[in-house]
Amino acid sequence: DKLTSYNDGVLEKATFVPLVYTTTSGMGPQCTNFHKQFSQLIADKRHKRYSDVMNHLGTCLRFSLLRSTLITIRGSMGKRLYAQDLSNVACNLIPHGKTYESY
């Protein structure tokens, strides 16, 4: 099972939770539990209503996914403010083309 193999590589006091989303705004069972627990923690810490926090997180998530999808489809439309020097990156990665990942 993939989940147990991923959990073997995780630190002692942590677990691996796959955040699985569908294209119709659905979530996997572990993803749903994560969002509920995360929203409850934020609501308790900031003294907000749970429903407001859950709504805000869902809205932020949807816009982030939409932004990522649009960048993937259309590419980055903005100007680059600076060119990154990739010669000092020690990841053994070489950009192969002029895409938004290589900037």
Foldseek 3Di string as FASTA:
>chain_A
DVQVVQQVPDDDPDGDFDWDADPVGDTDPSNVVVLQVVLVVVCVVVVHDSVVSSVVVSVVVVVVVVVVVCCVVPNDDDDDPDDDDCPPDPPPDDDDDPGPVRD
